[in-house]
Amino acid sequence: MILTLDIGNTNIKTALFQGEEMLNYWRIATNRSMSSDEYGILLANLFEYNGRRLSDVSGVSISSVVPSINFTIEHMCRNYLNLAPMMVGPGIKTGINIKYDNPRELGSDRIANAVAAYELYGGPCIFIDFGTATSFGVVSHKGEFLGGAISPGIKLSAEALVEKAAKLPRFELQRPDSVIGRNTITNLQSGIVYGHVGLVTYLIRKMKQELGAPQAKVIATGGMALLVSGETDIDVLDGVLTLKGLRILYEKNA
């Protein structure tokens, strides 16, 4: 079995695969102060709760956008799984041609998303990851990662607005029934959610124009994708796209 870990700024998303089948999926809060032993015990408990054994894991594939935690997680893999993890980064085989000006700048999560989007849904395609940041990526019909765009995520935008504007209250992130809000809460919800819908819709349209592919498939992943998917031109919702990409990358490099 292959264990995949997508280490983000807010959560660590992890899944256990047997071949192409995903057996289990878990979300763990990203805690930079936790030790390798604390993460190891947490992982062991998750495995035990689901009737799995750590000894059944034969490989580990990791993407991370939090460099300060990488050593801790690598140490945990060596101590509790007796395995050296494969960290997605420069030098690994991806099966796609990365056309970034400097490929070393490309985040490992975006590499995993590009590989999964192309392998599973074909090209040309646009993938969007709704996390702490909302990141867009474009893959051509030839399997070339052409680039994309990065904007502040929905949750980050909401937190920044409330933190910097003293009189604005904290509010639940949900899509209001109408764009014209009748109170401060619905005004905030409308501005954040529908404002993000507008951003996503415009970027998708412009990317398809520049790609010359109006039929390009749009794949969305990430915790906030459901909030805007019904209002945009998103074709596929795949909540574990990154983890699937990590599994594919492990197989390409095993």
C-alpha atoms as a PDB file:
ATOM      1  CA  MET A   1       0.000   0.000   0.000  1.00  0.00           C
ATOM      2  CA  ILE A   2       1.112   3.554  -0.754  1.00  0.00           C
ATOM      3  CA  LEU A   3       0.667   6.361   1.765  1.00  0.00           C
ATOM      4  CA  THR A   4       0.326   9.859   0.312  1.00  0.00           C
ATOM      5  CA  LEU A   5       0.589  13.108   2.274  1.00  0.00           C
ATOM      6  CA  ASP A   6      -0.251  16.569   0.958  1.00  0.00           C
ATOM      7  CA  ILE A   7       1.138  19.030   3.528  1.00  0.00           C
ATOM      8  CA  GLY A   8      -0.652  22.370   3.285  1.00  0.00           C
ATOM      9  CA  ASN A   9      -0.562  25.526   5.369  1.00  0.00           C
ATOM     10  CA  THR A  10      -3.792  24.622   7.181  1.00  0.00           C
ATOM     11  CA  ASN A  11      -4.181  20.848   6.887  1.00  0.00           C
ATOM     12  CA  ILE A  12      -2.241  17.723   6.047  1.00  0.00           C
ATOM     13  CA  LYS A  13      -4.393  15.628   3.742  1.00  0.00           C
ATOM     14  CA  THR A  14      -3.383  11.985   3.631  1.00  0.00           C
ATOM     15  CA  ALA A  15      -4.692   8.887   1.881  1.00  0.00           C
ATOM     16  CA  LEU A  16      -3.832   5.198   1.703  1.00  0.00           C
ATOM     17  CA  PHE A  17      -3.895   3.570  -1.747  1.00  0.00           C
ATOM     18  CA  GLN A  18      -3.912  -0.041  -2.895  1.00  0.00           C
ATOM     19  CA  GLY A  19      -3.144   0.299  -6.567  1.00  0.00           C
ATOM     20  CA  GLU A  20      -5.576   2.901  -7.927  1.00  0.00           C
ATOM     21  CA  GLU A  21      -8.102   2.278  -5.138  1.00  0.00           C
ATOM     22  CA  MET A  22      -8.149   4.754  -2.256  1.00  0.00           C
ATOM     23  CA  LEU A  23      -8.689   2.749   0.936  1.00  0.00           C
ATOM     24  CA  ASN A  24      -8.709   5.546   3.519  1.00  0.00           C
ATOM     25  CA  TYR A  25      -8.570   9.328   3.637  1.00  0.00           C
ATOM     26  CA  TRP A  26      -7.764  11.546   6.621  1.00  0.00           C
ATOM     27  CA  ARG A  27      -7.235  15.252   7.357  1.00  0.00           C
ATOM     28  CA  ILE A  28      -4.821  16.357  10.082  1.00  0.00           C
ATOM     29  CA  ALA A  29      -4.243  19.935  11.234  1.00  0.00           C
ATOM     30  CA  THR A  30      -0.840  21.268  10.192  1.00  0.00           C
ATOM     31  CA  ASN A  31       0.919  21.916  13.496  1.00  0.00           C
ATOM     32  CA  ARG A  32       4.476  23.182  13.165  1.00  0.00           C
ATOM     33  CA  SER A  33       5.163  22.636  16.885  1.00  0.00           C
ATOM     34  CA  MET A  34       4.341  18.895  16.917  1.00  0.00           C
ATOM     35  CA  SER A  35       7.215  16.428  17.073  1.00  0.00           C
ATOM     36  CA  SER A  36       7.809  13.455  14.783  1.00  0.00           C
ATOM     37  CA  ASP A  37       6.689  11.143  17.599  1.00  0.00           C
ATOM     38  CA  GLU A  38       3.423  13.040  18.045  1.00  0.00           C
ATOM     39  CA  TYR A  39       2.687  12.790  14.338  1.00  0.00           C
ATOM     40  CA  GLY A  40       3.714   9.126  14.372  1.00  0.00           C
ATOM     41  CA  ILE A  41       1.367   8.235  17.232  1.00  0.00           C
ATOM     42  CA  LEU A  42      -1.449  10.176  15.561  1.00  0.00           C
ATOM     43  CA  LEU A  43      -0.918   8.274  12.304  1.00  0.00           C
ATOM     44  CA  ALA A  44      -0.706   4.946  14.145  1.00  0.00           C
ATOM     45  CA  ASN A  45      -4.019   5.682  15.888  1.00  0.00           C
ATOM     46  CA  LEU A  46      -5.711   6.537  12.580  1.00  0.00           C
ATOM     47  CA  PHE A  47      -4.459   3.277  11.074  1.00  0.00           C
ATOM     48  CA  GLU A  48      -5.560   1.218  14.067  1.00  0.00           C
ATOM     49  CA  TYR A  49      -9.004   2.852  14.150  1.00  0.00           C
ATOM     50  CA  ASN A  50      -9.519   1.843  10.512  1.00  0.00           C
ATOM     51  CA  GLY A  51      -8.150  -1.671  10.928  1.00  0.00           C
ATOM     52  CA  ARG A  52      -4.886  -0.970   9.098  1.00  0.00           C
ATOM     53  CA  ARG A  53      -1.285  -1.705  10.014  1.00  0.00           C
ATOM     54  CA  LEU A  54       1.646   0.647   9.508  1.00  0.00           C
ATOM     55  CA  SER A  55       3.743  -2.339   8.441  1.00  0.00           C
ATOM     56  CA  ASP A  56       1.532  -2.796   5.355  1.00  0.00           C
ATOM     57  CA  VAL A  57       2.761   0.513   3.879  1.00  0.00           C
ATOM     58  CA  SER A  58       5.398  -0.131   1.210  1.00  0.00           C
ATOM     59  CA  GLY A  59       5.964   3.448   0.035  1.00  0.00           C
ATOM     60  CA  VAL A  60       5.322   7.072   0.970  1.00  0.00           C
ATOM     61  CA  SER A  61       4.837  10.017  -1.411  1.00  0.00           C
ATOM     62  CA  ILE A  62       4.781  13.575  -0.037  1.00  0.00           C
ATOM     63  CA  SER A  63       4.139  17.056  -1.362  1.00  0.00           C
ATOM     64  CA  SER A  64       4.675  20.004   0.953  1.00  0.00           C
ATOM     65  CA  VAL A  65       4.307  23.769   0.841  1.00  0.00           C
ATOM     66  CA  VAL A  66       5.486  24.053   4.472  1.00  0.00           C
ATOM     67  CA  PRO A  67       9.281  23.542   4.402  1.00  0.00           C
ATOM     68  CA  SER A  68       9.627  23.969   8.184  1.00  0.00           C
ATOM     69  CA  ILE A  69       7.702  20.762   8.826  1.00  0.00           C
ATOM     70  CA  ASN A  70       9.368  18.549   6.205  1.00  0.00           C
ATOM     71  CA  PHE A  71      12.160  17.229   8.434  1.00  0.00           C
ATOM     72  CA  THR A  72       9.629  16.305  11.133  1.00  0.00           C
ATOM     73  CA  ILE A  73       7.449  14.338   8.717  1.00  0.00           C
ATOM     74  CA  GLU A  74      10.446  12.627   7.070  1.00  0.00           C
ATOM     75  CA  HIS A  75      11.711  11.646  10.516  1.00  0.00           C
ATOM     76  CA  MET A  76       8.273  10.272  11.393  1.00  0.00           C
ATOM     77  CA  CYS A  77       8.218   8.127   8.220  1.00  0.00           C
ATOM     78  CA  ARG A  78      11.627   6.644   8.992  1.00  0.00           C
ATOM     79  CA  ASN A  79      10.810   5.902  12.643  1.00  0.00           C
ATOM     80  CA  TYR A  80       7.222   4.653  12.360  1.00  0.00           C
ATOM     81  CA  LEU A  81       7.058   3.254   8.822  1.00  0.00           C
ATOM     82  CA  ASN A  82      10.709   2.271   8.372  1.00  0.00           C
ATOM     83  CA  LEU A  83      10.587   4.003   5.015  1.00  0.00           C
ATOM     84  CA  ALA A  84      12.359   6.924   3.366  1.00  0.00           C
ATOM     85  CA  PRO A  85       9.569   9.023   1.804  1.00  0.00           C
ATOM     86  CA  MET A  86       9.624  10.299  -1.769  1.00  0.00           C
ATOM     87  CA  MET A  87       9.426  14.089  -1.579  1.00  0.00           C
ATOM     88  CA  VAL A  88       8.004  15.615  -4.760  1.00  0.00           C
ATOM     89  CA  GLY A  89      10.448  18.162  -6.101  1.00  0.00           C
ATOM     90  CA  PRO A  90      13.081  18.838  -8.759  1.00  0.00           C
ATOM     91  CA  GLY A  91      14.482  15.741 -10.417  1.00  0.00           C
ATOM     92  CA  ILE A  92      11.526  13.396 -10.136  1.00  0.00           C
ATOM     93  CA  LYS A  93       9.839  11.888 -13.185  1.00  0.00           C
ATOM     94  CA  THR A  94       6.465  13.503 -13.839  1.00  0.00           C
ATOM     95  CA  GLY A  95       5.473  12.421 -17.338  1.00  0.00           C
ATOM     96  CA  ILE A  96       4.646  16.036 -18.204  1.00  0.00           C
ATOM     97  CA  ASN A  97       6.800  18.795 -19.685  1.00  0.00           C
ATOM     98  CA  ILE A  98       7.022  21.711 -17.243  1.00  0.00           C
ATOM     99  CA  LYS A  99       7.252  24.973 -19.192  1.00  0.00           C
ATOM    100  CA  TYR A 100       7.720  27.185 -16.109  1.00  0.00           C
ATOM    101  CA  ASP A 101      10.528  29.773 -16.461  1.00  0.00           C
ATOM    102  CA  ASN A 102      12.160  28.195 -13.423  1.00  0.00           C
ATOM    103  CA  PRO A 103      10.678  24.727 -12.731  1.00  0.00           C
ATOM    104  CA  ARG A 104      12.284  24.731  -9.259  1.00  0.00           C
ATOM    105  CA  GLU A 105       9.856  27.490  -8.239  1.00  0.00           C
ATOM    106  CA  LEU A 106       6.821  25.324  -8.945  1.00  0.00           C
ATOM    107  CA  GLY A 107       5.102  24.036  -5.798  1.00  0.00           C
ATOM    108  CA  SER A 108       5.049  20.274  -5.324  1.00  0.00           C
ATOM    109  CA  ASP A 109       1.266  20.296  -4.824  1.00  0.00           C
ATOM    110  CA  ARG A 110       0.807  21.970  -8.217  1.00  0.00           C
ATOM    111  CA  ILE A 111       3.067  19.355  -9.823  1.00  0.00           C
ATOM    112  CA  ALA A 112       0.930  16.598  -8.309  1.00  0.00           C
ATOM    113  CA  ASN A 113      -2.276  18.333  -9.452  1.00  0.00           C
ATOM    114  CA  ALA A 114      -0.953  18.768 -12.996  1.00  0.00           C
ATOM    115  CA  VAL A 115       0.073  15.114 -13.239  1.00  0.00           C
ATOM    116  CA  ALA A 116      -3.267  13.855 -11.884  1.00  0.00           C
ATOM    117  CA  ALA A 117      -5.371  16.233 -14.012  1.00  0.00           C
ATOM    118  CA  TYR A 118      -3.607  15.197 -17.231  1.00  0.00           C
ATOM    119  CA  GLU A 119      -3.395  11.478 -16.438  1.00  0.00           C
ATOM    120  CA  LEU A 120      -7.001  11.158 -15.249  1.00  0.00           C
ATOM    121  CA  TYR A 121      -8.880  13.722 -17.331  1.00  0.00           C
ATOM    122  CA  GLY A 122      -6.655  14.378 -20.346  1.00  0.00           C
ATOM    123  CA  GLY A 123      -5.580  17.626 -21.925  1.00  0.00           C
ATOM    124  CA  PRO A 124      -6.033  20.427 -22.491  1.00  0.00           C
ATOM    125  CA  CYS A 125      -7.262  21.069 -18.978  1.00  0.00           C
ATOM    126  CA  ILE A 126      -7.326  23.683 -16.234  1.00  0.00           C
ATOM    127  CA  PHE A 127      -7.053  22.629 -12.606  1.00  0.00           C
ATOM    128  CA  ILE A 128      -7.955  24.820  -9.637  1.00  0.00           C
ATOM    129  CA  ASP A 129      -6.939  24.124  -6.041  1.00  0.00           C
ATOM    130  CA  PHE A 130      -9.104  25.968  -3.509  1.00  0.00           C
ATOM    131  CA  GLY A 131      -6.893  26.014  -0.421  1.00  0.00           C
ATOM    132  CA  THR A 132      -5.244  28.744   1.644  1.00  0.00           C
ATOM    133  CA  ALA A 133      -4.453  30.187  -1.772  1.00  0.00           C
ATOM    134  CA  THR A 134      -6.562  29.547  -4.858  1.00  0.00           C
ATOM    135  CA  SER A 135      -4.118  28.313  -7.482  1.00  0.00           C
ATOM    136  CA  PHE A 136      -4.800  27.694 -11.171  1.00  0.00           C
ATOM    137  CA  GLY A 137      -2.763  25.547 -13.523  1.00  0.00           C
ATOM    138  CA  VAL A 138      -2.996  24.894 -17.260  1.00  0.00           C
ATOM    139  CA  VAL A 139      -1.911  21.711 -19.044  1.00  0.00           C
ATOM    140  CA  SER A 140      -1.895  21.540 -22.861  1.00  0.00           C
ATOM    141  CA  HIS A 141      -3.123  18.642 -24.983  1.00  0.00           C
ATOM    142  CA  LYS A 142       0.534  17.580 -25.311  1.00  0.00           C
ATOM    143  CA  GLY A 143       0.929  17.233 -21.545  1.00  0.00           C
ATOM    144  CA  GLU A 144       2.822  20.502 -21.073  1.00  0.00           C
ATOM    145  CA  PHE A 145       2.367  22.442 -17.844  1.00  0.00           C
ATOM    146  CA  LEU A 146       2.146  25.979 -19.226  1.00  0.00           C
ATOM    147  CA  GLY A 147       1.718  27.973 -15.990  1.00  0.00           C
ATOM    148  CA  GLY A 148      -1.264  29.477 -14.237  1.00  0.00           C
ATOM    149  CA  ALA A 149      -2.272  31.984 -11.591  1.00  0.00           C
ATOM    150  CA  ILE A 150      -2.362  32.261  -7.796  1.00  0.00           C
ATOM    151  CA  SER A 151      -4.753  34.402  -5.766  1.00  0.00           C
ATOM    152  CA  PRO A 152      -5.664  34.645  -2.060  1.00  0.00           C
ATOM    153  CA  GLY A 153      -8.008  31.846  -1.029  1.00  0.00           C
ATOM    154  CA  ILE A 154     -11.606  32.385   0.086  1.00  0.00           C
ATOM    155  CA  LYS A 155     -10.941  31.700   3.756  1.00  0.00           C
ATOM    156  CA  LEU A 156      -7.750  33.768   3.791  1.00  0.00           C
ATOM    157  CA  SER A 157      -9.554  36.708   2.165  1.00  0.00           C
ATOM    158  CA  ALA A 158     -12.338  36.560   4.737  1.00  0.00           C
ATOM    159  CA  GLU A 159      -9.916  36.389   7.666  1.00  0.00           C
ATOM    160  CA  ALA A 160      -7.832  39.290   6.343  1.00  0.00           C
ATOM    161  CA  LEU A 161     -10.924  41.457   5.840  1.00  0.00           C
ATOM    162  CA  VAL A 162     -12.251  40.885   9.362  1.00  0.00           C
ATOM    163  CA  GLU A 163      -8.812  41.307  10.936  1.00  0.00           C
ATOM    164  CA  LYS A 164      -7.999  44.593   9.216  1.00  0.00           C
ATOM    165  CA  ALA A 165     -11.466  46.196   9.398  1.00  0.00           C
ATOM    166  CA  ALA A 166     -12.194  46.783  13.090  1.00  0.00           C
ATOM    167  CA  LYS A 167     -15.981  47.103  12.836  1.00  0.00           C
ATOM    168  CA  LEU A 168     -16.623  44.071  10.640  1.00  0.00           C
ATOM    169  CA  PRO A 169     -17.761  40.949  12.540  1.00  0.00           C
ATOM    170  CA  ARG A 170     -16.593  37.390  12.012  1.00  0.00           C
ATOM    171  CA  PHE A 171     -18.991  35.434   9.825  1.00  0.00           C
ATOM    172  CA  GLU A 172     -19.698  31.951   8.539  1.00  0.00           C
ATOM    173  CA  LEU A 173     -18.402  31.234   5.055  1.00  0.00           C
ATOM    174  CA  GLN A 174     -21.456  30.223   3.071  1.00  0.00           C
ATOM    175  CA  ARG A 175     -23.050  31.249  -0.192  1.00  0.00           C
ATOM    176  CA  PRO A 176     -25.956  33.687   0.419  1.00  0.00           C
ATOM    177  CA  ASP A 177     -29.186  33.383  -1.536  1.00  0.00           C
ATOM    178  CA  SER A 178     -28.670  36.678  -3.347  1.00  0.00           C
ATOM    179  CA  VAL A 179     -25.785  38.933  -4.319  1.00  0.00           C
ATOM    180  CA  ILE A 180     -27.504  41.979  -2.806  1.00  0.00           C
ATOM    181  CA  GLY A 181     -27.088  41.460   0.932  1.00  0.00           C
ATOM    182  CA  ARG A 182     -29.605  42.944   3.399  1.00  0.00           C
ATOM    183  CA  ASN A 183     -27.321  43.029   6.445  1.00  0.00           C
ATOM    184  CA  THR A 184     -23.619  43.187   7.261  1.00  0.00           C
ATOM    185  CA  ILE A 185     -23.199  39.397   7.428  1.00  0.00           C
ATOM    186  CA  THR A 186     -24.810  38.712   4.055  1.00  0.00           C
ATOM    187  CA  ASN A 187     -22.910  41.679   2.577  1.00  0.00           C
ATOM    188  CA  LEU A 188     -19.658  40.058   3.690  1.00  0.00           C
ATOM    189  CA  GLN A 189     -20.694  36.619   2.475  1.00  0.00           C
ATOM    190  CA  SER A 190     -21.755  38.005  -0.886  1.00  0.00           C
ATOM    191  CA  GLY A 191     -18.594  40.019  -1.393  1.00  0.00           C
ATOM    192  CA  ILE A 192     -16.246  37.173  -0.474  1.00  0.00           C
ATOM    193  CA  VAL A 193     -18.063  34.250  -2.107  1.00  0.00           C
ATOM    194  CA  TYR A 194     -19.501  35.866  -5.244  1.00  0.00           C
ATOM    195  CA  GLY A 195     -16.401  38.015  -5.596  1.00  0.00           C
ATOM    196  CA  HIS A 196     -14.385  34.800  -5.725  1.00  0.00           C
ATOM    197  CA  VAL A 197     -16.861  33.334  -8.197  1.00  0.00           C
ATOM    198  CA  GLY A 198     -16.216  36.321 -10.443  1.00  0.00           C
ATOM    199  CA  LEU A 199     -12.453  35.886 -10.125  1.00  0.00           C
ATOM    200  CA  VAL A 200     -12.640  32.173 -10.969  1.00  0.00           C
ATOM    201  CA  THR A 201     -15.056  32.684 -13.876  1.00  0.00           C
ATOM    202  CA  TYR A 202     -12.929  35.410 -15.460  1.00  0.00           C
ATOM    203  CA  LEU A 203      -9.641  33.526 -15.098  1.00  0.00           C
ATOM    204  CA  ILE A 204     -11.122  30.339 -16.561  1.00  0.00           C
ATOM    205  CA  ARG A 205     -12.473  32.290 -19.547  1.00  0.00           C
ATOM    206  CA  LYS A 206      -9.169  34.098 -20.181  1.00  0.00           C
ATOM    207  CA  MET A 207      -7.124  30.913 -19.797  1.00  0.00           C
ATOM    208  CA  LYS A 208      -9.295  29.085 -22.318  1.00  0.00           C
ATOM    209  CA  GLN A 209      -8.884  32.029 -24.724  1.00  0.00           C
ATOM    210  CA  GLU A 210      -5.085  32.108 -24.376  1.00  0.00           C
ATOM    211  CA  LEU A 211      -4.941  28.326 -24.648  1.00  0.00           C
ATOM    212  CA  GLY A 212      -7.133  28.428 -27.766  1.00  0.00           C
ATOM    213  CA  ALA A 213      -9.198  25.626 -26.280  1.00  0.00           C
ATOM    214  CA  PRO A 214     -12.752  26.590 -25.310  1.00  0.00           C
ATOM    215  CA  GLN A 215     -13.446  22.907 -24.662  1.00  0.00           C
ATOM    216  CA  ALA A 216     -10.659  22.545 -22.053  1.00  0.00           C
ATOM    217  CA  LYS A 217     -11.896  20.583 -19.046  1.00  0.00           C
ATOM    218  CA  VAL A 218     -11.852  22.377 -15.694  1.00  0.00           C
ATOM    219  CA  ILE A 219     -11.070  20.277 -12.613  1.00  0.00           C
ATOM    220  CA  ALA A 220     -11.419  21.643  -9.080  1.00  0.00           C
ATOM    221  CA  THR A 221     -10.060  20.360  -5.790  1.00  0.00           C
ATOM    222  CA  GLY A 222      -9.565  21.727  -2.274  1.00  0.00           C
ATOM    223  CA  GLY A 223     -11.743  22.413   0.723  1.00  0.00           C
ATOM    224  CA  MET A 224     -13.470  25.541  -0.610  1.00  0.00           C
ATOM    225  CA  ALA A 225     -14.297  24.174  -4.088  1.00  0.00           C
ATOM    226  CA  LEU A 226     -17.880  23.259  -3.179  1.00  0.00           C
ATOM    227  CA  LEU A 227     -18.610  26.834  -2.167  1.00  0.00           C
ATOM    228  CA  VAL A 228     -18.201  28.221  -5.693  1.00  0.00           C
ATOM    229  CA  SER A 229     -18.514  25.205  -7.999  1.00  0.00           C
ATOM    230  CA  GLY A 230     -22.221  25.644  -8.714  1.00  0.00           C
ATOM    231  CA  GLU A 231     -21.698  29.201  -9.965  1.00  0.00           C
ATOM    232  CA  THR A 232     -18.701  28.620 -12.254  1.00  0.00           C
ATOM    233  CA  ASP A 233     -17.655  26.613 -15.316  1.00  0.00           C
ATOM    234  CA  ILE A 234     -16.096  23.804 -13.277  1.00  0.00           C
ATOM    235  CA  ASP A 235     -16.612  20.432 -14.990  1.00  0.00           C
ATOM    236  CA  VAL A 236     -15.233  18.034 -12.381  1.00  0.00           C
ATOM    237  CA  LEU A 237     -14.961  18.163  -8.589  1.00  0.00           C
ATOM    238  CA  ASP A 238     -12.181  15.876  -7.366  1.00  0.00           C
ATOM    239  CA  GLY A 239     -11.455  16.462  -3.682  1.00  0.00           C
ATOM    240  CA  VAL A 240      -8.405  14.178  -3.622  1.00  0.00           C
ATOM    241  CA  LEU A 241      -6.797  15.230  -6.916  1.00  0.00           C
ATOM    242  CA  THR A 242      -3.466  16.080  -5.264  1.00  0.00           C
ATOM    243  CA  LEU A 243      -3.301  12.762  -3.416  1.00  0.00           C
ATOM    244  CA  LYS A 244      -4.083  10.873  -6.614  1.00  0.00           C
ATOM    245  CA  GLY A 245      -1.252  12.770  -8.276  1.00  0.00           C
ATOM    246  CA  LEU A 246       1.121  11.768  -5.479  1.00  0.00           C
ATOM    247  CA  ARG A 247       0.172   8.130  -5.989  1.00  0.00           C
ATOM    248  CA  ILE A 248       0.793   8.410  -9.745  1.00  0.00           C
ATOM    249  CA  LEU A 249       4.145  10.135  -9.149  1.00  0.00           C
ATOM    250  CA  TYR A 250       5.239   7.400  -6.752  1.00  0.00           C
ATOM    251  CA  GLU A 251       4.459   4.742  -9.362  1.00  0.00           C
ATOM    252  CA  LYS A 252       6.410   6.664 -12.005  1.00  0.00           C
ATOM    253  CA  ASN A 253       9.455   6.894  -9.734  1.00  0.00           C
ATOM    254  CA  ALA A 254       9.300   3.652  -7.752  1.00  0.00           C
END
